[in-house]
C-alpha cells in the first residue's frame, strides 16, 4: 500500500505550477515544508522510485522531474 503525503505533494504541486523542471531539489526549494527525513532525502536526490513509494503523485513526479524521463 502506498502512503500519501500532503506535504510531499504540496511541494511538487507548487513546483509544477511554476513549470520548473529539476534533477533534484535544494534546501531553498524545501524550506518551509514539513517533510519527513525520507521525503526530504528523496527530493534532494531526485529519487523518483522513492518518491512514488512515499506517496508522491506520479503525474507531479513526472512534471517536476521531467528531465529524468526519456522522451
Protein backbone atom coordinates (compact mmCIF):
# COMPACT_ATOMS: atom_id res chain seq x y z
CA UNK A 1 0.00 0.00 0.00
CA UNK A 2 1.27 3.47 -0.86
CA UNK A 3 1.03 6.11 1.84
CA UNK A 4 0.14 9.62 0.82
CA UNK A 5 1.97 12.67 1.97
CA UNK A 6 0.23 16.01 1.83
CA UNK A 7 3.47 17.96 2.33
CA UNK A 8 5.29 15.98 -0.36
CA UNK A 9 2.55 16.50 -2.93
CA UNK A 10 2.14 20.14 -1.91
CA UNK A 11 5.77 20.98 -2.73
CA UNK A 12 5.60 19.07 -6.02
CA UNK A 13 2.38 20.88 -6.93
CA UNK A 14 3.97 24.27 -6.20
CA UNK A 15 6.95 23.47 -8.43
CA UNK A 16 4.76 22.03 -11.20
CA UNK A 17 2.65 25.21 -11.22
CA UNK A 18 5.83 27.22 -11.77
CA UNK A 19 6.68 24.96 -14.73
CA UNK A 20 10.04 24.16 -13.15
CA UNK A 21 11.98 21.07 -14.15
CA UNK A 22 14.51 19.82 -11.62
CA UNK A 23 17.02 17.00 -11.34
CA UNK A 24 16.90 17.32 -7.56
CA UNK A 25 15.66 19.85 -5.06
CA UNK A 26 17.78 22.16 -2.93
CA UNK A 27 17.41 23.32 0.66
CA UNK A 28 15.90 26.55 -0.69
CA UNK A 29 13.24 24.54 -2.58
CA UNK A 30 12.39 22.59 0.57
CA UNK A 31 12.36 25.48 3.03
CA UNK A 32 9.12 25.89 4.94
CA UNK A 33 7.73 22.45 4.13
CA UNK A 34 7.01 19.87 6.84
CA UNK A 35 8.67 16.83 5.27
CA UNK A 36 9.85 13.58 6.80
CA UNK A 37 13.54 12.74 6.57
CA UNK A 38 12.77 10.11 3.92
CA UNK A 39 10.77 12.60 1.83
CA UNK A 40 13.48 15.23 2.14
CA UNK A 41 16.19 12.75 1.14
CA UNK A 42 14.20 11.53 -1.89
CA UNK A 43 13.54 15.08 -3.10
CA UNK A 44 17.15 16.14 -2.59
CA UNK A 45 18.35 13.09 -4.54
CA UNK A 46 15.63 13.28 -7.18
CA UNK A 47 14.88 9.62 -6.40
CA UNK A 48 11.79 9.01 -8.49
CA UNK A 49 11.12 5.47 -7.21
CA UNK A 50 11.40 6.55 -3.58
CA UNK A 51 9.08 9.50 -4.18
CA UNK A 52 6.48 7.18 -5.69
CA UNK A 53 6.72 4.76 -2.75
CA UNK A 54 6.44 7.67 -0.31
CA UNK A 55 3.11 8.63 -1.84
CA UNK A 56 4.01 11.33 -4.36
CA UNK A 57 1.54 11.69 -7.19
CA UNK A 58 3.08 10.12 -10.34
CA UNK A 59 1.84 12.98 -12.51
CA UNK A 60 3.58 15.53 -10.27
CA UNK A 61 6.78 13.47 -10.19
CA UNK A 62 6.81 13.48 -13.99
CA UNK A 63 6.09 17.21 -14.20
CA UNK A 64 8.83 18.26 -11.78
CA UNK A 65 11.48 15.68 -12.68
CA UNK A 66 10.73 15.51 -16.43
CA UNK A 67 14.39 15.89 -17.36
CA UNK A 68 14.98 12.46 -15.76
CA UNK A 69 12.49 10.71 -18.05
CA UNK A 70 13.48 9.68 -21.56
CA UNK A 71 11.48 11.22 -24.38
